[in-house]
PDB file of N, CA and C in Angstrom:
ATOM      1  N   MET A   1     -23.200  -7.028  -4.383  1.00  0.00           N
ATOM      2  CA  MET A   1     -22.062  -7.278  -3.523  1.00  0.00           C
ATOM      3  C   MET A   1     -21.792  -6.085  -2.664  1.00  0.00           C
ATOM      4  N   GLY A   2     -21.348  -6.315  -1.410  1.00  0.00           N
ATOM      5  CA  GLY A   2     -20.973  -5.250  -0.506  1.00  0.00           C
ATOM      6  C   GLY A   2     -19.513  -5.107  -0.379  1.00  0.00           C
ATOM      7  N   GLY A   3     -19.066  -4.738   0.804  1.00  0.00           N
ATOM      8  CA  GLY A   3     -17.601  -4.740   1.057  1.00  0.00           C
ATOM      9  C   GLY A   3     -16.897  -3.611   0.385  1.00  0.00           C
ATOM     10  N   PHE A   4     -15.846  -3.931  -0.354  1.00  0.00           N
ATOM     11  CA  PHE A   4     -14.972  -2.936  -0.893  1.00  0.00           C
ATOM     12  C   PHE A   4     -15.304  -2.613  -2.343  1.00  0.00           C
ATOM     13  N   GLY A   5     -16.351  -1.813  -2.545  1.00  0.00           N
ATOM     14  CA  GLY A   5     -16.656  -1.387  -3.929  1.00  0.00           C
ATOM     15  C   GLY A   5     -17.263  -2.444  -4.766  1.00  0.00           C
ATOM     16  N   GLY A   6     -17.688  -3.597  -4.221  1.00  0.00           N
ATOM     17  CA  GLY A   6     -18.351  -4.628  -5.031  1.00  0.00           C
ATOM     18  C   GLY A   6     -17.391  -5.366  -5.914  1.00  0.00           C
ATOM     19  N   SER A   7     -16.070  -5.373  -5.569  1.00  0.00           N
ATOM     20  CA  SER A   7     -15.112  -6.149  -6.398  1.00  0.00           C
ATOM     21  C   SER A   7     -15.434  -7.631  -6.224  1.00  0.00           C
ATOM     22  N   MET A   8     -15.023  -8.334  -7.241  1.00  0.00           N
ATOM     23  CA  MET A   8     -15.250  -9.833  -7.189  1.00  0.00           C
ATOM     24  C   MET A   8     -14.461 -10.455  -6.109  1.00  0.00           C
ATOM     25  N   THR A   9     -13.281  -9.921  -5.820  1.00  0.00           N
ATOM     26  CA  THR A   9     -12.430 -10.559  -4.822  1.00  0.00           C
ATOM     27  C   THR A   9     -12.830 -10.144  -3.392  1.00  0.00           C
ATOM     28  N   GLU A  10     -13.490  -8.991  -3.212  1.00  0.00           N
ATOM     29  CA  GLU A  10     -13.861  -8.532  -1.895  1.00  0.00           C
ATOM     30  C   GLU A  10     -12.703  -8.423  -0.962  1.00  0.00           C
ATOM     31  N   LEU A  11     -11.575  -7.898  -1.469  1.00  0.00           N
ATOM     32  CA  LEU A  11     -10.312  -7.713  -0.710  1.00  0.00           C
ATOM     33  C   LEU A  11      -9.927  -6.275  -0.696  1.00  0.00           C
ATOM     34  N   ALA A  12      -9.116  -5.915   0.313  1.00  0.00           N
ATOM     35  CA  ALA A  12      -8.531  -4.578   0.364  1.00  0.00           C
ATOM     36  C   ALA A  12      -7.109  -4.736   0.954  1.00  0.00           C
ATOM     37  N   ILE A  13      -6.250  -3.816   0.596  1.00  0.00           N
ATOM     38  CA  ILE A  13      -4.895  -3.743   1.128  1.00  0.00           C
ATOM     39  C   ILE A  13      -4.656  -2.449   1.795  1.00  0.00           C
ATOM     40  N   GLY A  14      -4.146  -2.525   2.981  1.00  0.00           N
ATOM     41  CA  GLY A  14      -3.692  -1.310   3.786  1.00  0.00           C
ATOM     42  C   GLY A  14      -2.197  -1.282   3.722  1.00  0.00           C
ATOM     43  N   ILE A  15      -1.631  -0.139   3.374  1.00  0.00           N
ATOM     44  CA  ILE A  15      -0.185  -0.027   3.246  1.00  0.00           C
ATOM     45  C   ILE A  15       0.278   1.182   4.124  1.00  0.00           C
ATOM     46  N   ASP A  16       1.327   0.870   4.881  1.00  0.00           N
ATOM     47  CA  ASP A  16       1.928   1.908   5.757  1.00  0.00           C
ATOM     48  C   ASP A  16       3.402   2.106   5.269  1.00  0.00           C
ATOM     49  N   GLY A  17       3.570   3.178   4.540  1.00  0.00           N
ATOM     50  CA  GLY A  17       4.863   3.398   3.982  1.00  0.00           C
ATOM     51  C   GLY A  17       5.707   4.325   4.921  1.00  0.00           C
ATOM     52  N   GLY A  18       6.936   3.966   5.104  1.00  0.00           N
ATOM     53  CA  GLY A  18       7.786   4.746   6.003  1.00  0.00           C
ATOM     54  C   GLY A  18       9.197   4.865   5.421  1.00  0.00           C
ATOM     55  N   GLY A  19      10.017   5.652   6.128  1.00  0.00           N
ATOM     56  CA  GLY A  19      11.328   5.938   5.660  1.00  0.00           C
ATOM     57  C   GLY A  19      12.290   4.773   5.742  1.00  0.00           C
ATOM     58  N   SER A  20      11.981   3.772   6.616  1.00  0.00           N
ATOM     59  CA  SER A  20      12.930   2.608   6.716  1.00  0.00           C
ATOM     60  C   SER A  20      12.299   1.359   6.162  1.00  0.00           C
ATOM     61  N   SER A  21      10.962   1.236   6.081  1.00  0.00           N
ATOM     62  CA  SER A  21      10.321   0.059   5.482  1.00  0.00           C
ATOM     63  C   SER A  21       8.840   0.411   5.168  1.00  0.00           C
ATOM     64  N   CYS A  22       8.308  -0.485   4.429  1.00  0.00           N
ATOM     65  CA  CYS A  22       6.900  -0.359   3.999  1.00  0.00           C
ATOM     66  C   CYS A  22       6.175  -1.683   4.394  1.00  0.00           C
ATOM     67  N   ARG A  23       5.077  -1.517   5.104  1.00  0.00           N
ATOM     68  CA  ARG A  23       4.288  -2.705   5.542  1.00  0.00           C
ATOM     69  C   ARG A  23       2.909  -2.747   4.953  1.00  0.00           C
ATOM     70  N   ALA A  24       2.443  -3.927   4.616  1.00  0.00           N
ATOM     71  CA  ALA A  24       1.096  -4.061   4.037  1.00  0.00           C
ATOM     72  C   ALA A  24       0.350  -5.202   4.666  1.00  0.00           C
ATOM     73  N   ALA A  25      -0.942  -5.066   4.571  1.00  0.00           N
ATOM     74  CA  ALA A  25      -1.837  -6.174   5.121  1.00  0.00           C
ATOM     75  C   ALA A  25      -2.962  -6.267   4.115  1.00  0.00           C
ATOM     76  N   VAL A  26      -3.308  -7.503   3.785  1.00  0.00           N
ATOM     77  CA  VAL A  26      -4.498  -7.713   2.887  1.00  0.00           C
ATOM     78  C   VAL A  26      -5.602  -8.289   3.774  1.00  0.00           C
ATOM     79  N   MET A  27      -6.832  -7.809   3.575  1.00  0.00           N
ATOM     80  CA  MET A  27      -7.930  -8.231   4.390  1.00  0.00           C
ATOM     81  C   MET A  27      -9.130  -8.538   3.539  1.00  0.00           C
ATOM     82  N   ASP A  28     -10.035  -9.315   4.156  1.00  0.00           N
ATOM     83  CA  ASP A  28     -11.303  -9.608   3.438  1.00  0.00           C
ATOM     84  C   ASP A  28     -12.368  -8.559   3.807  1.00  0.00           C
ATOM     85  N   ALA A  29     -13.576  -8.672   3.271  1.00  0.00           N
ATOM     86  CA  ALA A  29     -14.645  -7.741   3.547  1.00  0.00           C
ATOM     87  C   ALA A  29     -15.070  -7.608   4.971  1.00  0.00           C
ATOM     88  N   THR A  30     -14.760  -8.677   5.793  1.00  0.00           N
ATOM     89  CA  THR A  30     -15.093  -8.597   7.210  1.00  0.00           C
ATOM     90  C   THR A  30     -14.022  -7.936   8.041  1.00  0.00           C
ATOM     91  N   GLY A  31     -12.845  -7.581   7.417  1.00  0.00           N
ATOM     92  CA  GLY A  31     -11.723  -6.959   8.096  1.00  0.00           C
ATOM     93  C   GLY A  31     -10.675  -7.983   8.618  1.00  0.00           C
ATOM     94  N   ARG A  32     -10.886  -9.258   8.329  1.00  0.00           N
ATOM     95  CA  ARG A  32      -9.982 -10.293   8.778  1.00  0.00           C
ATOM     96  C   ARG A  32      -8.725 -10.193   7.975  1.00  0.00           C
ATOM     97  N   ILE A  33      -7.532 -10.089   8.631  1.00  0.00           N
ATOM     98  CA  ILE A  33      -6.259 -10.055   7.972  1.00  0.00           C
ATOM     99  C   ILE A  33      -5.944 -11.422   7.458  1.00  0.00           C
ATOM    100  N   LEU A  34      -5.655 -11.468   6.070  1.00  0.00           N
ATOM    101  CA  LEU A  34      -5.399 -12.747   5.423  1.00  0.00           C
ATOM    102  C   LEU A  34      -3.878 -12.918   5.184  1.00  0.00           C
ATOM    103  N   GLY A  35      -3.120 -11.801   5.095  1.00  0.00           N
ATOM    104  CA  GLY A  35      -1.676 -11.892   4.913  1.00  0.00           C
ATOM    105  C   GLY A  35      -1.028 -10.506   5.139  1.00  0.00           C
ATOM    106  N   ARG A  36       0.227 -10.603   5.461  1.00  0.00           N
ATOM    107  CA  ARG A  36       1.066  -9.411   5.682  1.00  0.00           C
ATOM    108  C   ARG A  36       2.333  -9.425   4.855  1.00  0.00           C
ATOM    109  N   GLY A  37       2.803  -8.316   4.487  1.00  0.00           N
ATOM    110  CA  GLY A  37       4.068  -8.262   3.686  1.00  0.00           C
ATOM    111  C   GLY A  37       4.827  -6.946   4.028  1.00  0.00           C
ATOM    112  N   THR A  38       6.132  -7.031   3.775  1.00  0.00           N
ATOM    113  CA  THR A  38       7.037  -5.886   3.991  1.00  0.00           C
ATOM    114  C   THR A  38       7.893  -5.691   2.754  1.00  0.00           C
ATOM    115  N   ALA A  39       8.438  -4.532   2.637  1.00  0.00           N
ATOM    116  CA  ALA A  39       9.436  -4.204   1.594  1.00  0.00           C
ATOM    117  C   ALA A  39      10.239  -3.055   2.085  1.00  0.00           C
ATOM    118  N   GLY A  40      11.133  -2.574   1.251  1.00  0.00           N
ATOM    119  CA  GLY A  40      12.036  -1.501   1.619  1.00  0.00           C
ATOM    120  C   GLY A  40      11.406  -0.150   1.887  1.00  0.00           C
ATOM    121  N   PRO A  41      12.207   0.883   2.047  1.00  0.00           N
ATOM    122  CA  PRO A  41      11.705   2.226   2.401  1.00  0.00           C
ATOM    123  C   PRO A  41      10.807   2.783   1.296  1.00  0.00           C
ATOM    124  N   SER A  42       9.969   3.687   1.718  1.00  0.00           N
ATOM    125  CA  SER A  42       9.016   4.386   0.833  1.00  0.00           C
ATOM    126  C   SER A  42       8.934   5.857   1.118  1.00  0.00           C
ATOM    127  N   ASN A  43      10.129   6.520   1.206  1.00  0.00           N
ATOM    128  CA  ASN A  43      10.154   7.973   1.381  1.00  0.00           C
ATOM    129  C   ASN A  43       9.971   8.597  -0.010  1.00  0.00           C
ATOM    130  N   ILE A  44       8.801   9.054  -0.293  1.00  0.00           N
ATOM    131  CA  ILE A  44       8.469   9.513  -1.669  1.00  0.00           C
ATOM    132  C   ILE A  44       9.190  10.818  -1.990  1.00  0.00           C
ATOM    133  N   LEU A  45       9.615  11.585  -0.997  1.00  0.00           N
ATOM    134  CA  LEU A  45      10.340  12.814  -1.307  1.00  0.00           C
ATOM    135  C   LEU A  45      11.805  12.623  -1.660  1.00  0.00           C
ATOM    136  N   SER A  46      12.414  11.536  -1.120  1.00  0.00           N
ATOM    137  CA  SER A  46      13.876  11.357  -1.417  1.00  0.00           C
ATOM    138  C   SER A  46      14.118  10.387  -2.521  1.00  0.00           C
ATOM    139  N   ASP A  47      13.140   9.493  -2.784  1.00  0.00           N
ATOM    140  CA  ASP A  47      13.342   8.437  -3.811  1.00  0.00           C
ATOM    141  C   ASP A  47      11.965   7.962  -4.290  1.00  0.00           C
ATOM    142  N   LEU A  48      11.305   8.797  -5.099  1.00  0.00           N
ATOM    143  CA  LEU A  48       9.958   8.452  -5.531  1.00  0.00           C
ATOM    144  C   LEU A  48       9.908   7.099  -6.297  1.00  0.00           C
ATOM    145  N   GLU A  49      10.761   6.885  -7.224  1.00  0.00           N
ATOM    146  CA  GLU A  49      10.682   5.621  -8.025  1.00  0.00           C
ATOM    147  C   GLU A  49      10.776   4.392  -7.212  1.00  0.00           C
ATOM    148  N   ASN A  50      11.793   4.313  -6.364  1.00  0.00           N
ATOM    149  CA  ASN A  50      12.011   3.125  -5.500  1.00  0.00           C
ATOM    150  C   ASN A  50      10.899   3.036  -4.478  1.00  0.00           C
ATOM    151  N   SER A  51      10.430   4.147  -3.978  1.00  0.00           N
ATOM    152  CA  SER A  51       9.296   4.118  -3.000  1.00  0.00           C
ATOM    153  C   SER A  51       8.080   3.489  -3.611  1.00  0.00           C
ATOM    154  N   LEU A  52       7.745   3.834  -4.857  1.00  0.00           N
ATOM    155  CA  LEU A  52       6.604   3.200  -5.522  1.00  0.00           C
ATOM    156  C   LEU A  52       6.803   1.758  -5.728  1.00  0.00           C
ATOM    157  N   LEU A  53       8.036   1.283  -6.097  1.00  0.00           N
ATOM    158  CA  LEU A  53       8.337  -0.100  -6.272  1.00  0.00           C
ATOM    159  C   LEU A  53       8.141  -0.838  -4.928  1.00  0.00           C
ATOM    160  N   ASN A  54       8.606  -0.248  -3.851  1.00  0.00           N
ATOM    161  CA  ASN A  54       8.497  -0.893  -2.524  1.00  0.00           C
ATOM    162  C   ASN A  54       7.031  -0.943  -2.014  1.00  0.00           C
ATOM    163  N   ILE A  55       6.261   0.058  -2.327  1.00  0.00           N
ATOM    164  CA  ILE A  55       4.852   0.030  -2.017  1.00  0.00           C
ATOM    165  C   ILE A  55       4.132  -1.135  -2.670  1.00  0.00           C
ATOM    166  N   VAL A  56       4.403  -1.262  -3.970  1.00  0.00           N
ATOM    167  CA  VAL A  56       3.822  -2.378  -4.678  1.00  0.00           C
ATOM    168  C   VAL A  56       4.343  -3.680  -4.207  1.00  0.00           C
ATOM    169  N   ALA A  57       5.658  -3.737  -3.919  1.00  0.00           N
ATOM    170  CA  ALA A  57       6.238  -5.026  -3.468  1.00  0.00           C
ATOM    171  C   ALA A  57       5.653  -5.450  -2.138  1.00  0.00           C
ATOM    172  N   SER A  58       5.421  -4.533  -1.211  1.00  0.00           N
ATOM    173  CA  SER A  58       4.829  -4.881   0.075  1.00  0.00           C
ATOM    174  C   SER A  58       3.433  -5.462  -0.151  1.00  0.00           C
ATOM    175  N   ALA A  59       2.680  -4.878  -1.010  1.00  0.00           N
ATOM    176  CA  ALA A  59       1.305  -5.350  -1.331  1.00  0.00           C
ATOM    177  C   ALA A  59       1.366  -6.764  -1.930  1.00  0.00           C
ATOM    178  N   GLU A  60       2.274  -6.932  -2.869  1.00  0.00           N
ATOM    179  CA  GLU A  60       2.436  -8.263  -3.493  1.00  0.00           C
ATOM    180  C   GLU A  60       2.842  -9.287  -2.451  1.00  0.00           C
ATOM    181  N   ASN A  61       3.730  -8.907  -1.541  1.00  0.00           N
ATOM    182  CA  ASN A  61       4.182  -9.841  -0.477  1.00  0.00           C
ATOM    183  C   ASN A  61       3.040 -10.186   0.435  1.00  0.00           C
ATOM    184  N   ALA A  62       2.164  -9.240   0.785  1.00  0.00           N
ATOM    185  CA  ALA A  62       0.993  -9.553   1.569  1.00  0.00           C
ATOM    186  C   ALA A  62       0.052 -10.489   0.864  1.00  0.00           C
ATOM    187  N   LEU A  63      -0.147 -10.287  -0.410  1.00  0.00           N
ATOM    188  CA  LEU A  63      -0.996 -11.168  -1.191  1.00  0.00           C
ATOM    189  C   LEU A  63      -0.418 -12.607  -1.186  1.00  0.00           C
ATOM    190  N   ASN A  64       0.851 -12.692  -1.382  1.00  0.00           N
ATOM    191  CA  ASN A  64       1.548 -14.027  -1.435  1.00  0.00           C
ATOM    192  C   ASN A  64       1.395 -14.694  -0.012  1.00  0.00           C
ATOM    193  N   ASP A  65       1.565 -13.920   1.043  1.00  0.00           N
ATOM    194  CA  ASP A  65       1.400 -14.464   2.425  1.00  0.00           C
ATOM    195  C   ASP A  65      -0.058 -15.012   2.575  1.00  0.00           C
ATOM    196  N   ALA A  66      -0.992 -14.364   1.942  1.00  0.00           N
ATOM    197  CA  ALA A  66      -2.381 -14.807   1.957  1.00  0.00           C
ATOM    198  C   ALA A  66      -2.692 -15.933   1.055  1.00  0.00           C
ATOM    199  N   GLY A  67      -1.680 -16.393   0.295  1.00  0.00           N
ATOM    200  CA  GLY A  67      -1.909 -17.514  -0.624  1.00  0.00           C
ATOM    201  C   GLY A  67      -2.496 -17.035  -1.978  1.00  0.00           C
ATOM    202  N   LEU A  68      -2.403 -15.781  -2.243  1.00  0.00           N
ATOM    203  CA  LEU A  68      -2.958 -15.210  -3.479  1.00  0.00           C
ATOM    204  C   LEU A  68      -1.806 -14.869  -4.424  1.00  0.00           C
ATOM    205  N   PRO A  69      -2.088 -14.901  -5.741  1.00  0.00           N
ATOM    206  CA  PRO A  69      -1.056 -14.509  -6.709  1.00  0.00           C
ATOM    207  C   PRO A  69      -0.712 -13.006  -6.634  1.00  0.00           C
ATOM    208  N   SER A  70       0.506 -12.658  -6.883  1.00  0.00           N
ATOM    209  CA  SER A  70       0.956 -11.260  -6.891  1.00  0.00           C
ATOM    210  C   SER A  70       0.112 -10.418  -7.831  1.00  0.00           C
ATOM    211  N   GLU A  71      -0.304 -11.008  -8.958  1.00  0.00           N
ATOM    212  CA  GLU A  71      -1.017 -10.254 -10.030  1.00  0.00           C
ATOM    213  C   GLU A  71      -2.349  -9.676  -9.463  1.00  0.00           C
ATOM    214  N   THR A  72      -2.848 -10.230  -8.317  1.00  0.00           N
ATOM    215  CA  THR A  72      -4.082  -9.789  -7.749  1.00  0.00           C
ATOM    216  C   THR A  72      -3.955  -8.300  -7.350  1.00  0.00           C
ATOM    217  N   VAL A  73      -2.748  -7.789  -7.181  1.00  0.00           N
ATOM    218  CA  VAL A  73      -2.559  -6.465  -6.717  1.00  0.00           C
ATOM    219  C   VAL A  73      -3.234  -5.410  -7.661  1.00  0.00           C
ATOM    220  N   SER A  74      -3.356  -5.719  -8.927  1.00  0.00           N
ATOM    221  CA  SER A  74      -3.961  -4.783  -9.811  1.00  0.00           C
ATOM    222  C   SER A  74      -5.518  -4.707  -9.726  1.00  0.00           C
ATOM    223  N   SER A  75      -6.142  -5.665  -9.005  1.00  0.00           N
ATOM    224  CA  SER A  75      -7.559  -5.669  -8.959  1.00  0.00           C
ATOM    225  C   SER A  75      -8.123  -5.481  -7.504  1.00  0.00           C
ATOM    226  N   VAL A  76      -7.267  -5.080  -6.587  1.00  0.00           N
ATOM    227  CA  VAL A  76      -7.663  -4.934  -5.207  1.00  0.00           C
ATOM    228  C   VAL A  76      -7.580  -3.435  -4.804  1.00  0.00           C
ATOM    229  N   SER A  77      -8.567  -3.039  -4.017  1.00  0.00           N
ATOM    230  CA  SER A  77      -8.609  -1.650  -3.525  1.00  0.00           C
ATOM    231  C   SER A  77      -7.477  -1.527  -2.525  1.00  0.00           C
ATOM    232  N   ALA A  78      -6.847  -0.338  -2.436  1.00  0.00           N
ATOM    233  CA  ALA A  78      -5.781  -0.087  -1.508  1.00  0.00           C
ATOM    234  C   ALA A  78      -5.881   1.258  -0.872  1.00  0.00           C
ATOM    235  N   VAL A  79      -5.445   1.326   0.388  1.00  0.00           N
ATOM    236  CA  VAL A  79      -5.246   2.575   1.065  1.00  0.00           C
ATOM    237  C   VAL A  79      -3.787   2.674   1.521  1.00  0.00           C
ATOM    238  N   VAL A  80      -3.157   3.764   1.043  1.00  0.00           N
ATOM    239  CA  VAL A  80      -1.745   3.974   1.295  1.00  0.00           C
ATOM    240  C   VAL A  80      -1.481   5.146   2.103  1.00  0.00           C
ATOM    241  N   GLY A  81      -0.701   5.022   3.152  1.00  0.00           N
ATOM    242  CA  GLY A  81      -0.340   6.139   3.961  1.00  0.00           C
ATOM    243  C   GLY A  81       1.198   6.215   3.991  1.00  0.00           C
ATOM    244  N   VAL A  82       1.700   7.368   3.678  1.00  0.00           N
ATOM    245  CA  VAL A  82       3.173   7.606   3.708  1.00  0.00           C
ATOM    246  C   VAL A  82       3.460   8.848   4.509  1.00  0.00           C
ATOM    247  N   ALA A  83       4.571   8.784   5.241  1.00  0.00           N
ATOM    248  CA  ALA A  83       4.915   9.910   6.080  1.00  0.00           C
ATOM    249  C   ALA A  83       5.693  10.929   5.244  1.00  0.00           C
ATOM    250  N   VAL A  84       5.238  12.140   5.286  1.00  0.00           N
ATOM    251  CA  VAL A  84       5.869  13.245   4.632  1.00  0.00           C
ATOM    252  C   VAL A  84       5.976  14.418   5.629  1.00  0.00           C
ATOM    253  N   PRO A  85       7.179  14.638   6.160  1.00  0.00           N
ATOM    254  CA  PRO A  85       7.271  15.727   7.149  1.00  0.00           C
ATOM    255  C   PRO A  85       6.899  17.046   6.510  1.00  0.00           C
ATOM    256  N   ILE A  86       6.085  17.863   7.165  1.00  0.00           N
ATOM    257  CA  ILE A  86       5.522  19.050   6.568  1.00  0.00           C
ATOM    258  C   ILE A  86       6.630  19.995   6.159  1.00  0.00           C
ATOM    259  N   GLN A  87       7.698  20.114   6.863  1.00  0.00           N
ATOM    260  CA  GLN A  87       8.747  21.035   6.455  1.00  0.00           C
ATOM    261  C   GLN A  87       9.468  20.627   5.208  1.00  0.00           C
ATOM    262  N   GLN A  88       9.290  19.386   4.771  1.00  0.00           N
ATOM    263  CA  GLN A  88       9.932  18.937   3.520  1.00  0.00           C
ATOM    264  C   GLN A  88       8.997  19.059   2.312  1.00  0.00           C
ATOM    265  N   CYS A  89       7.777  19.436   2.513  1.00  0.00           N
ATOM    266  CA  CYS A  89       6.846  19.480   1.417  1.00  0.00           C
ATOM    267  C   CYS A  89       7.098  20.753   0.556  1.00  0.00           C
ATOM    268  N   PRO A  90       7.322  20.533  -0.705  1.00  0.00           N
ATOM    269  CA  PRO A  90       7.419  21.764  -1.606  1.00  0.00           C
ATOM    270  C   PRO A  90       6.049  22.390  -1.720  1.00  0.00           C
ATOM    271  N   LYS A  91       6.000  23.700  -1.905  1.00  0.00           N
ATOM    272  CA  LYS A  91       4.736  24.344  -2.106  1.00  0.00           C
ATOM    273  C   LYS A  91       4.020  23.913  -3.377  1.00  0.00           C
ATOM    274  N   ASP A  92       2.728  23.694  -3.262  1.00  0.00           N
ATOM    275  CA  ASP A  92       1.878  23.346  -4.373  1.00  0.00           C
ATOM    276  C   ASP A  92       2.379  22.153  -5.168  1.00  0.00           C
ATOM    277  N   ASP A  93       2.894  21.211  -4.498  1.00  0.00           N
ATOM    278  CA  ASP A  93       3.349  20.000  -5.235  1.00  0.00           C
ATOM    279  C   ASP A  93       2.288  19.087  -5.632  1.00  0.00           C
ATOM    280  N   GLU A  94       2.550  18.087  -6.407  1.00  0.00           N
ATOM    281  CA  GLU A  94       1.546  17.162  -6.923  1.00  0.00           C
ATOM    282  C   GLU A  94       1.030  16.164  -5.858  1.00  0.00           C
ATOM    283  N   LEU A  95       1.759  16.136  -4.701  1.00  0.00           N
ATOM    284  CA  LEU A  95       1.264  15.235  -3.695  1.00  0.00           C
ATOM    285  C   LEU A  95       0.220  15.851  -2.737  1.00  0.00           C
ATOM    286  N   GLY A  96       0.001  17.115  -2.954  1.00  0.00           N
ATOM    287  CA  GLY A  96      -0.998  17.826  -2.127  1.00  0.00           C
ATOM    288  C   GLY A  96      -0.521  18.265  -0.760  1.00  0.00           C
ATOM    289  N   CYS A  97       0.810  18.285  -0.567  1.00  0.00           N
ATOM    290  CA  CYS A  97       1.317  18.763   0.726  1.00  0.00           C
ATOM    291  C   CYS A  97       0.998  20.213   0.932  1.00  0.00           C
ATOM    292  N   ARG A  98       0.659  20.563   2.147  1.00  0.00           N
ATOM    293  CA  ARG A  98       0.376  21.908   2.513  1.00  0.00           C
ATOM    294  C   ARG A  98       1.144  22.307   3.748  1.00  0.00           C
TER     295      ARG A  98
END
């Protein structure tokens, strides 16, 4: 199998986390977008717990939009990008901010 690491589903999720909302898209191995989803803010520096919940929720919503069950989120490769202003990064934190 090719595509995204040889997974059985051959799907990937791209997630764009931001301070006001989080957007996700699920795509197949050819790059075709199958579904999109949104959720609340994902500012990991001001509210890590809810940010993580919103990141997962946006992915689940994209899967649902694609006609797939939410549980698929645990078996799909994902790329997550979140905005972290450099001046807000603590030194040597676990997020790797520099």
